[in-house]
Amino acid sequence: GALALVITAGSLGTAAATMRPQAIEEPRYEGLLVNAPAI
């Protein structure tokens, strides 16, 4: 249980510490949204 706490908290903490809000400006599209930049 202690090891699970360390692994899970470490993974989530890494994601939170390295969050890049500017990524929303450069998305990749899949599906019908592939046409979104042109539309």
PDB file of all heavy atoms in Angstrom:
ATOM      1  N   GLY A   1       0.814  -1.209   0.000  1.00  0.00           N
ATOM      2  CA  GLY A   1       0.000   0.000   0.000  1.00  0.00           C
ATOM      3  C   GLY A   1       0.846   1.257   0.000  1.00  0.00           C
ATOM      4  O   GLY A   1       0.550   2.234  -0.710  1.00  0.00           O
ATOM      5  N   ALA A   2       1.925   1.259   0.812  1.00  0.00           N
ATOM      6  CA  ALA A   2       2.809   2.420   0.851  1.00  0.00           C
ATOM      7  C   ALA A   2       3.488   2.634  -0.500  1.00  0.00           C
ATOM      8  O   ALA A   2       3.627   3.770  -0.979  1.00  0.00           O
ATOM      9  CB  ALA A   2       3.853   2.239   1.956  1.00  0.00           C
ATOM     10  N   LEU A   3       3.920   1.532  -1.125  1.00  0.00           N
ATOM     11  CA  LEU A   3       4.560   1.642  -2.432  1.00  0.00           C
ATOM     12  C   LEU A   3       3.573   2.156  -3.482  1.00  0.00           C
ATOM     13  O   LEU A   3       3.933   2.966  -4.346  1.00  0.00           O
ATOM     14  CB  LEU A   3       5.120   0.285  -2.846  1.00  0.00           C
ATOM     15  CG  LEU A   3       5.945   0.236  -4.146  1.00  0.00           C
ATOM     16  CD1 LEU A   3       7.126   1.188  -4.068  1.00  0.00           C
ATOM     17  CD2 LEU A   3       6.419  -1.197  -4.408  1.00  0.00           C
ATOM     18  N   ALA A   4       2.320   1.695  -3.398  1.00  0.00           N
ATOM     19  CA  ALA A   4       1.290   2.177  -4.331  1.00  0.00           C
ATOM     20  C   ALA A   4       1.063   3.674  -4.158  1.00  0.00           C
ATOM     21  O   ALA A   4       0.876   4.413  -5.135  1.00  0.00           O
ATOM     22  CB  ALA A   4      -0.010   1.413  -4.120  1.00  0.00           C
ATOM     23  N   LEU A   5       1.087   4.133  -2.912  1.00  0.00           N
ATOM     24  CA  LEU A   5       0.919   5.555  -2.638  1.00  0.00           C
ATOM     25  C   LEU A   5       2.050   6.359  -3.275  1.00  0.00           C
ATOM     26  O   LEU A   5       1.819   7.404  -3.906  1.00  0.00           O
ATOM     27  CB  LEU A   5       0.876   5.792  -1.132  1.00  0.00           C
ATOM     28  CG  LEU A   5       0.756   7.249  -0.666  1.00  0.00           C
ATOM     29  CD1 LEU A   5      -0.557   7.846  -1.142  1.00  0.00           C
ATOM     30  CD2 LEU A   5       0.874   7.330   0.848  1.00  0.00           C
ATOM     31  N   VAL A   6       3.282   5.869  -3.136  1.00  0.00           N
ATOM     32  CA  VAL A   6       4.435   6.573  -3.694  1.00  0.00           C
ATOM     33  C   VAL A   6       4.368   6.607  -5.225  1.00  0.00           C
ATOM     34  O   VAL A   6       4.582   7.655  -5.854  1.00  0.00           O
ATOM     35  CB  VAL A   6       5.744   5.915  -3.226  1.00  0.00           C
ATOM     36  CG1 VAL A   6       6.939   6.500  -3.968  1.00  0.00           C
ATOM     37  CG2 VAL A   6       5.919   6.082  -1.725  1.00  0.00           C
ATOM     38  N   ILE A   7       4.050   5.456  -5.834  1.00  0.00           N
ATOM     39  CA  ILE A   7       4.015   5.384  -7.303  1.00  0.00           C
ATOM     40  C   ILE A   7       2.917   6.281  -7.862  1.00  0.00           C
ATOM     41  O   ILE A   7       3.143   7.074  -8.792  1.00  0.00           O
ATOM     42  CB  ILE A   7       3.809   3.928  -7.756  1.00  0.00           C
ATOM     43  CG1 ILE A   7       5.045   3.078  -7.406  1.00  0.00           C
ATOM     44  CG2 ILE A   7       3.522   3.865  -9.252  1.00  0.00           C
ATOM     45  CD1 ILE A   7       4.873   1.607  -7.704  1.00  0.00           C
ATOM     46  N   THR A   8       1.709   6.177  -7.299  1.00  0.00           N
ATOM     47  CA  THR A   8       0.574   6.943  -7.835  1.00  0.00           C
ATOM     48  C   THR A   8       0.761   8.437  -7.595  1.00  0.00           C
ATOM     49  O   THR A   8       0.577   9.263  -8.500  1.00  0.00           O
ATOM     50  CB  THR A   8      -0.740   6.473  -7.192  1.00  0.00           C
ATOM     51  OG1 THR A   8      -0.856   5.056  -7.317  1.00  0.00           O
ATOM     52  CG2 THR A   8      -1.934   7.132  -7.869  1.00  0.00           C
ATOM     53  N   ALA A   9       1.144   8.795  -6.370  1.00  0.00           N
ATOM     54  CA  ALA A   9       1.348  10.217  -6.068  1.00  0.00           C
ATOM     55  C   ALA A   9       2.498  10.789  -6.884  1.00  0.00           C
ATOM     56  O   ALA A   9       2.430  11.938  -7.355  1.00  0.00           O
ATOM     57  CB  ALA A   9       1.613  10.395  -4.577  1.00  0.00           C
ATOM     58  N   GLY A  10       3.536  10.012  -7.086  1.00  0.00           N
ATOM     59  CA  GLY A  10       4.652  10.488  -7.890  1.00  0.00           C
ATOM     60  C   GLY A  10       4.262  10.719  -9.336  1.00  0.00           C
ATOM     61  O   GLY A  10       4.657  11.723  -9.946  1.00  0.00           O
ATOM     62  N   SER A  11       3.463   9.802  -9.904  1.00  0.00           N
ATOM     63  CA  SER A  11       3.035   9.960 -11.299  1.00  0.00           C
ATOM     64  C   SER A  11       2.134  11.175 -11.462  1.00  0.00           C
ATOM     65  O   SER A  11       2.317  11.988 -12.377  1.00  0.00           O
ATOM     66  CB  SER A  11       2.303   8.694 -11.756  1.00  0.00           C
ATOM     67  OG  SER A  11       3.155   7.558 -11.685  1.00  0.00           O
ATOM     68  N   LEU A  12       1.149  11.310 -10.568  1.00  0.00           N
ATOM     69  CA  LEU A  12       0.241  12.450 -10.647  1.00  0.00           C
ATOM     70  C   LEU A  12       0.977  13.757 -10.350  1.00  0.00           C
ATOM     71  O   LEU A  12       0.705  14.791 -10.973  1.00  0.00           O
ATOM     72  CB  LEU A  12      -0.929  12.259  -9.676  1.00  0.00           C
ATOM     73  CG  LEU A  12      -1.841  11.057  -9.954  1.00  0.00           C
ATOM     74  CD1 LEU A  12      -2.914  10.950  -8.883  1.00  0.00           C
ATOM     75  CD2 LEU A  12      -2.493  11.174 -11.329  1.00  0.00           C
ATOM     76  N   GLY A  13       1.888  13.712  -9.384  1.00  0.00           N
ATOM     77  CA  GLY A  13       2.651  14.911  -9.066  1.00  0.00           C
ATOM     78  C   GLY A  13       3.527  15.362 -10.213  1.00  0.00           C
ATOM     79  O   GLY A  13       3.662  16.568 -10.472  1.00  0.00           O
ATOM     80  N   THR A  14       4.120  14.397 -10.921  1.00  0.00           N
ATOM     81  CA  THR A  14       4.936  14.742 -12.087  1.00  0.00           C
ATOM     82  C   THR A  14       4.095  15.418 -13.157  1.00  0.00           C
ATOM     83  O   THR A  14       4.515  16.410 -13.767  1.00  0.00           O
ATOM     84  CB  THR A  14       5.596  13.478 -12.664  1.00  0.00           C
ATOM     85  OG1 THR A  14       6.431  12.876 -11.662  1.00  0.00           O
ATOM     86  CG2 THR A  14       6.420  13.810 -13.897  1.00  0.00           C
ATOM     87  N   ALA A  15       2.891  14.879 -13.374  1.00  0.00           N
ATOM     88  CA  ALA A  15       1.996  15.494 -14.362  1.00  0.00           C
ATOM     89  C   ALA A  15       1.631  16.915 -13.963  1.00  0.00           C
ATOM     90  O   ALA A  15       1.636  17.833 -14.792  1.00  0.00           O
ATOM     91  CB  ALA A  15       0.742  14.644 -14.517  1.00  0.00           C
ATOM     92  N   ALA A  16       1.319  17.120 -12.677  1.00  0.00           N
ATOM     93  CA  ALA A  16       0.933  18.456 -12.218  1.00  0.00           C
ATOM     94  C   ALA A  16       2.102  19.430 -12.293  1.00  0.00           C
ATOM     95  O   ALA A  16       1.935  20.602 -12.664  1.00  0.00           O
ATOM     96  CB  ALA A  16       0.402  18.374 -10.783  1.00  0.00           C
ATOM     97  N   ALA A  17       3.297  18.956 -11.963  1.00  0.00           N
ATOM     98  CA  ALA A  17       4.465  19.843 -11.940  1.00  0.00           C
ATOM     99  C   ALA A  17       4.920  20.233 -13.333  1.00  0.00           C
ATOM    100  O   ALA A  17       5.546  21.290 -13.514  1.00  0.00           O
ATOM    101  CB  ALA A  17       5.606  19.167 -11.184  1.00  0.00           C
ATOM    102  N   THR A  18       4.617  19.418 -14.328  1.00  0.00           N
ATOM    103  CA  THR A  18       5.083  19.690 -15.695  1.00  0.00           C
ATOM    104  C   THR A  18       3.955  20.142 -16.614  1.00  0.00           C
ATOM    105  O   THR A  18       4.098  20.099 -17.832  1.00  0.00           O
ATOM    106  CB  THR A  18       5.750  18.432 -16.283  1.00  0.00           C
ATOM    107  OG1 THR A  18       4.789  17.347 -16.288  1.00  0.00           O
ATOM    108  CG2 THR A  18       6.951  18.026 -15.463  1.00  0.00           C
ATOM    109  N   MET A  19       2.828  20.555 -16.046  1.00  0.00           N
ATOM    110  CA  MET A  19       1.676  20.966 -16.856  1.00  0.00           C
ATOM    111  C   MET A  19       2.049  22.144 -17.750  1.00  0.00           C
ATOM    112  O   MET A  19       2.680  23.106 -17.318  1.00  0.00           O
ATOM    113  CB  MET A  19       0.509  21.343 -15.947  1.00  0.00           C
ATOM    114  CG  MET A  19      -0.778  21.658 -16.693  1.00  0.00           C
ATOM    115  SD  MET A  19      -1.434  20.236 -17.603  1.00  0.00           S
ATOM    116  CE  MET A  19      -1.891  19.157 -16.254  1.00  0.00           C
ATOM    117  N   ARG A  20       1.612  22.054 -19.023  1.00  0.00           N
ATOM    118  CA  ARG A  20       1.888  23.098 -20.012  1.00  0.00           C
ATOM    119  C   ARG A  20       0.567  23.647 -20.549  1.00  0.00           C
ATOM    120  O   ARG A  20       0.013  23.107 -21.529  1.00  0.00           O
ATOM    121  CB  ARG A  20       2.734  22.532 -21.156  1.00  0.00           C
ATOM    122  CG  ARG A  20       4.149  22.133 -20.760  1.00  0.00           C
ATOM    123  CD  ARG A  20       4.945  21.626 -21.939  1.00  0.00           C
ATOM    124  NE  ARG A  20       4.486  20.314 -22.380  1.00  0.00           N
ATOM    125  CZ  ARG A  20       4.919  19.167 -21.884  1.00  0.00           C
ATOM    126  NH1 ARG A  20       5.837  19.169 -20.916  1.00  0.00           N
ATOM    127  NH2 ARG A  20       4.469  18.013 -22.329  1.00  0.00           N
ATOM    128  N   PRO A  21       0.027  24.712 -19.963  1.00  0.00           N
ATOM    129  CA  PRO A  21      -1.259  25.258 -20.429  1.00  0.00           C
ATOM    130  C   PRO A  21      -1.228  25.721 -21.883  1.00  0.00           C
ATOM    131  O   PRO A  21      -2.246  25.708 -22.564  1.00  0.00           O
ATOM    132  CB  PRO A  21      -1.492  26.445 -19.477  1.00  0.00           C
ATOM    133  CG  PRO A  21      -0.656  26.149 -18.270  1.00  0.00           C
ATOM    134  CD  PRO A  21       0.542  25.420 -18.776  1.00  0.00           C
ATOM    135  N   GLN A  22      -0.060  26.140 -22.364  1.00  0.00           N
ATOM    136  CA  GLN A  22       0.030  26.639 -23.732  1.00  0.00           C
ATOM    137  C   GLN A  22      -0.170  25.532 -24.761  1.00  0.00           C
ATOM    138  O   GLN A  22      -0.281  25.817 -25.961  1.00  0.00           O
ATOM    139  CB  GLN A  22       1.380  27.321 -23.977  1.00  0.00           C
ATOM    140  CG  GLN A  22       2.591  26.399 -23.956  1.00  0.00           C
ATOM    141  CD  GLN A  22       3.134  26.182 -22.545  1.00  0.00           C
ATOM    142  OE1 GLN A  22       2.459  26.492 -21.571  1.00  0.00           O
ATOM    143  NE2 GLN A  22       4.351  25.683 -22.454  1.00  0.00           N
ATOM    144  N   ALA A  23      -0.219  24.272 -24.325  1.00  0.00           N
ATOM    145  CA  ALA A  23      -0.410  23.167 -25.275  1.00  0.00           C
ATOM    146  C   ALA A  23      -1.742  23.260 -25.996  1.00  0.00           C
ATOM    147  O   ALA A  23      -1.898  22.714 -27.097  1.00  0.00           O
ATOM    148  CB  ALA A  23      -0.305  21.822 -24.537  1.00  0.00           C
ATOM    149  N   ILE A  24      -2.733  23.951 -25.398  1.00  0.00           N
ATOM    150  CA  ILE A  24      -4.042  24.077 -26.029  1.00  0.00           C
ATOM    151  C   ILE A  24      -3.951  24.854 -27.334  1.00  0.00           C
ATOM    152  O   ILE A  24      -4.812  24.734 -28.213  1.00  0.00           O
ATOM    153  CB  ILE A  24      -5.037  24.765 -25.054  1.00  0.00           C
ATOM    154  CG1 ILE A  24      -6.461  24.701 -25.602  1.00  0.00           C
ATOM    155  CG2 ILE A  24      -4.631  26.210 -24.816  1.00  0.00           C
ATOM    156  CD1 ILE A  24      -7.018  23.318 -25.683  1.00  0.00           C
ATOM    157  N   GLU A  25      -2.879  25.640 -27.495  1.00  0.00           N
ATOM    158  CA  GLU A  25      -2.735  26.435 -28.711  1.00  0.00           C
ATOM    159  C   GLU A  25      -2.213  25.605 -29.879  1.00  0.00           C
ATOM    160  O   GLU A  25      -2.265  26.056 -31.029  1.00  0.00           O
ATOM    161  CB  GLU A  25      -1.789  27.614 -28.459  1.00  0.00           C
ATOM    162  CG  GLU A  25      -2.293  28.573 -27.379  1.00  0.00           C
ATOM    163  CD  GLU A  25      -1.312  29.696 -27.107  1.00  0.00           C
ATOM    164  OE1 GLU A  25      -0.251  29.707 -27.782  1.00  0.00           O
ATOM    165  OE2 GLU A  25      -1.586  30.532 -26.244  1.00  0.00           O
ATOM    166  N   GLU A  26      -1.701  24.395 -29.624  1.00  0.00           N
ATOM    167  CA  GLU A  26      -1.133  23.564 -30.682  1.00  0.00           C
ATOM    168  C   GLU A  26      -1.693  22.151 -30.586  1.00  0.00           C
ATOM    169  O   GLU A  26      -0.951  21.191 -30.351  1.00  0.00           O
ATOM    170  CB  GLU A  26       0.391  23.548 -30.589  1.00  0.00           C
ATOM    171  CG  GLU A  26       1.035  24.924 -30.753  1.00  0.00           C
ATOM    172  CD  GLU A  26       2.537  24.868 -30.609  1.00  0.00           C
ATOM    173  OE1 GLU A  26       3.056  23.795 -30.219  1.00  0.00           O
ATOM    174  OE2 GLU A  26       3.201  25.884 -30.870  1.00  0.00           O
ATOM    175  N   PRO A  27      -3.005  21.983 -30.762  1.00  0.00           N
ATOM    176  CA  PRO A  27      -3.581  20.640 -30.663  1.00  0.00           C
ATOM    177  C   PRO A  27      -3.372  19.844 -31.946  1.00  0.00           C
ATOM    178  O   PRO A  27      -3.134  20.395 -33.020  1.00  0.00           O
ATOM    179  CB  PRO A  27      -5.066  20.928 -30.440  1.00  0.00           C
ATOM    180  CG  PRO A  27      -5.288  22.215 -31.176  1.00  0.00           C
ATOM    181  CD  PRO A  27      -4.016  23.000 -31.029  1.00  0.00           C
ATOM    182  N   ARG A  28      -3.456  18.525 -31.805  1.00  0.00           N
ATOM    183  CA  ARG A  28      -3.571  17.642 -32.960  1.00  0.00           C
ATOM    184  C   ARG A  28      -5.019  17.166 -33.016  1.00  0.00           C
ATOM    185  O   ARG A  28      -5.656  16.953 -31.997  1.00  0.00           O
ATOM    186  CB  ARG A  28      -2.610  16.448 -32.847  1.00  0.00           C
ATOM    187  CG  ARG A  28      -1.156  16.839 -32.992  1.00  0.00           C
ATOM    188  CD  ARG A  28      -0.238  15.627 -33.001  1.00  0.00           C
ATOM    189  NE  ARG A  28      -0.221  14.930 -31.726  1.00  0.00           N
ATOM    190  CZ  ARG A  28      -0.672  13.707 -31.523  1.00  0.00           C
ATOM    191  NH1 ARG A  28      -1.199  13.024 -32.523  1.00  0.00           N
ATOM    192  NH2 ARG A  28      -0.616  13.150 -30.331  1.00  0.00           N
ATOM    193  N   TYR A  29      -5.525  16.974 -34.238  1.00  0.00           N
ATOM    194  CA  TYR A  29      -6.938  16.656 -34.412  1.00  0.00           C
ATOM    195  C   TYR A  29      -7.097  15.235 -34.927  1.00  0.00           C
ATOM    196  O   TYR A  29      -6.294  14.737 -35.704  1.00  0.00           O
ATOM    197  CB  TYR A  29      -7.594  17.621 -35.406  1.00  0.00           C
ATOM    198  CG  TYR A  29      -7.531  19.070 -34.983  1.00  0.00           C
ATOM    199  CD1 TYR A  29      -6.465  19.889 -35.379  1.00  0.00           C
ATOM    200  CD2 TYR A  29      -8.519  19.628 -34.198  1.00  0.00           C
ATOM    201  CE1 TYR A  29      -6.403  21.224 -34.993  1.00  0.00           C
ATOM    202  CE2 TYR A  29      -8.472  20.962 -33.810  1.00  0.00           C
ATOM    203  CZ  TYR A  29      -7.416  21.756 -34.209  1.00  0.00           C
ATOM    204  OH  TYR A  29      -7.346  23.061 -33.834  1.00  0.00           O
ATOM    205  N   GLU A  30      -8.193  14.599 -34.517  1.00  0.00           N
ATOM    206  CA  GLU A  30      -8.576  13.292 -35.040  1.00  0.00           C
ATOM    207  C   GLU A  30     -10.056  13.329 -35.370  1.00  0.00           C
ATOM    208  O   GLU A  30     -10.834  14.083 -34.761  1.00  0.00           O
ATOM    209  CB  GLU A  30      -8.296  12.172 -34.020  1.00  0.00           C
ATOM    210  CG  GLU A  30      -6.819  11.864 -33.837  1.00  0.00           C
ATOM    211  CD  GLU A  30      -6.591  10.678 -32.922  1.00  0.00           C
ATOM    212  OE1 GLU A  30      -7.580  10.217 -32.295  1.00  0.00           O
ATOM    213  OE2 GLU A  30      -5.443  10.214 -32.824  1.00  0.00           O
ATOM    214  N   GLY A  31     -10.478  12.460 -36.314  1.00  0.00           N
ATOM    215  CA  GLY A  31     -11.885  12.409 -36.683  1.00  0.00           C
ATOM    216  C   GLY A  31     -12.265  13.593 -37.550  1.00  0.00           C
ATOM    217  O   GLY A  31     -11.458  14.173 -38.274  1.00  0.00           O
ATOM    218  N   LEU A  32     -13.545  13.994 -37.471  1.00  0.00           N
ATOM    219  CA  LEU A  32     -14.022  15.111 -38.269  1.00  0.00           C
ATOM    220  C   LEU A  32     -13.313  16.406 -37.919  1.00  0.00           C
ATOM    221  O   LEU A  32     -13.253  17.335 -38.720  1.00  0.00           O
ATOM    222  CB  LEU A  32     -15.537  15.291 -38.074  1.00  0.00           C
ATOM    223  CG  LEU A  32     -16.427  14.170 -38.629  1.00  0.00           C
ATOM    224  CD1 LEU A  32     -17.875  14.442 -38.275  1.00  0.00           C
ATOM    225  CD2 LEU A  32     -16.261  14.044 -40.138  1.00  0.00           C
ATOM    226  N   LEU A  33     -12.766  16.474 -36.699  1.00  0.00           N
ATOM    227  CA  LEU A  33     -12.095  17.697 -36.275  1.00  0.00           C
ATOM    228  C   LEU A  33     -10.787  17.938 -37.016  1.00  0.00           C
ATOM    229  O   LEU A  33     -10.167  18.982 -36.836  1.00  0.00           O
ATOM    230  CB  LEU A  33     -11.821  17.659 -34.768  1.00  0.00           C
ATOM    231  CG  LEU A  33     -13.055  17.810 -33.878  1.00  0.00           C
ATOM    232  CD1 LEU A  33     -12.654  17.691 -32.417  1.00  0.00           C
ATOM    233  CD2 LEU A  33     -13.749  19.123 -34.134  1.00  0.00           C
ATOM    234  N   VAL A  34     -10.365  16.978 -37.846  1.00  0.00           N
ATOM    235  CA  VAL A  34      -9.180  17.220 -38.673  1.00  0.00           C
ATOM    236  C   VAL A  34      -9.392  18.465 -39.523  1.00  0.00           C
ATOM    237  O   VAL A  34      -8.454  19.215 -39.827  1.00  0.00           O
ATOM    238  CB  VAL A  34      -8.883  15.993 -39.557  1.00  0.00           C
ATOM    239  CG1 VAL A  34      -7.850  16.316 -40.616  1.00  0.00           C
ATOM    240  CG2 VAL A  34      -8.396  14.843 -38.688  1.00  0.00           C
ATOM    241  N   ASN A  35     -10.669  18.733 -39.893  1.00  0.00           N
ATOM    242  CA  ASN A  35     -10.974  19.901 -40.717  1.00  0.00           C
ATOM    243  C   ASN A  35     -11.133  21.167 -39.899  1.00  0.00           C
ATOM    244  O   ASN A  35     -11.370  22.238 -40.458  1.00  0.00           O
ATOM    245  CB  ASN A  35     -12.280  19.664 -41.493  1.00  0.00           C
ATOM    246  CG  ASN A  35     -12.156  18.508 -42.461  1.00  0.00           C
ATOM    247  OD1 ASN A  35     -11.144  18.364 -43.116  1.00  0.00           O
ATOM    248  ND2 ASN A  35     -13.181  17.672 -42.539  1.00  0.00           N
ATOM    249  N   ALA A  36     -11.005  21.080 -38.579  1.00  0.00           N
ATOM    250  CA  ALA A  36     -11.303  22.233 -37.726  1.00  0.00           C
ATOM    251  C   ALA A  36     -10.439  23.450 -38.035  1.00  0.00           C
ATOM    252  O   ALA A  36     -10.954  24.571 -38.076  1.00  0.00           O
ATOM    253  CB  ALA A  36     -11.173  21.853 -36.254  1.00  0.00           C
ATOM    254  N   PRO A  37      -9.116  23.314 -38.250  1.00  0.00           N
ATOM    255  CA  PRO A  37      -8.339  24.524 -38.513  1.00  0.00           C
ATOM    256  C   PRO A  37      -8.823  25.288 -39.741  1.00  0.00           C
ATOM    257  O   PRO A  37      -8.863  26.513 -39.737  1.00  0.00           O
ATOM    258  CB  PRO A  37      -6.913  23.990 -38.712  1.00  0.00           C
ATOM    259  CG  PRO A  37      -6.893  22.700 -37.960  1.00  0.00           C
ATOM    260  CD  PRO A  37      -8.266  22.117 -38.152  1.00  0.00           C
ATOM    261  N   ALA A  38      -9.222  24.567 -40.785  1.00  0.00           N
ATOM    262  CA  ALA A  38      -9.683  25.246 -41.990  1.00  0.00           C
ATOM    263  C   ALA A  38     -11.063  25.858 -41.800  1.00  0.00           C
ATOM    264  O   ALA A  38     -11.381  26.898 -42.358  1.00  0.00           O
ATOM    265  CB  ALA A  38      -9.721  24.254 -43.163  1.00  0.00           C
ATOM    266  N   ILE A  39     -11.888  25.196 -40.990  1.00  0.00           N
ATOM    267  CA  ILE A  39     -13.263  25.668 -40.804  1.00  0.00           C
ATOM    268  C   ILE A  39     -13.324  26.811 -39.817  1.00  0.00           C
ATOM    269  O   ILE A  39     -13.973  27.822 -40.032  1.00  0.00           O
ATOM    270  CB  ILE A  39     -14.160  24.508 -40.336  1.00  0.00           C
ATOM    271  CG1 ILE A  39     -14.236  23.443 -41.436  1.00  0.00           C
ATOM    272  CG2 ILE A  39     -15.552  24.990 -39.969  1.00  0.00           C
ATOM    273  CD1 ILE A  39     -14.921  22.184 -41.000  1.00  0.00           C
TER     274      ILE A  39
END
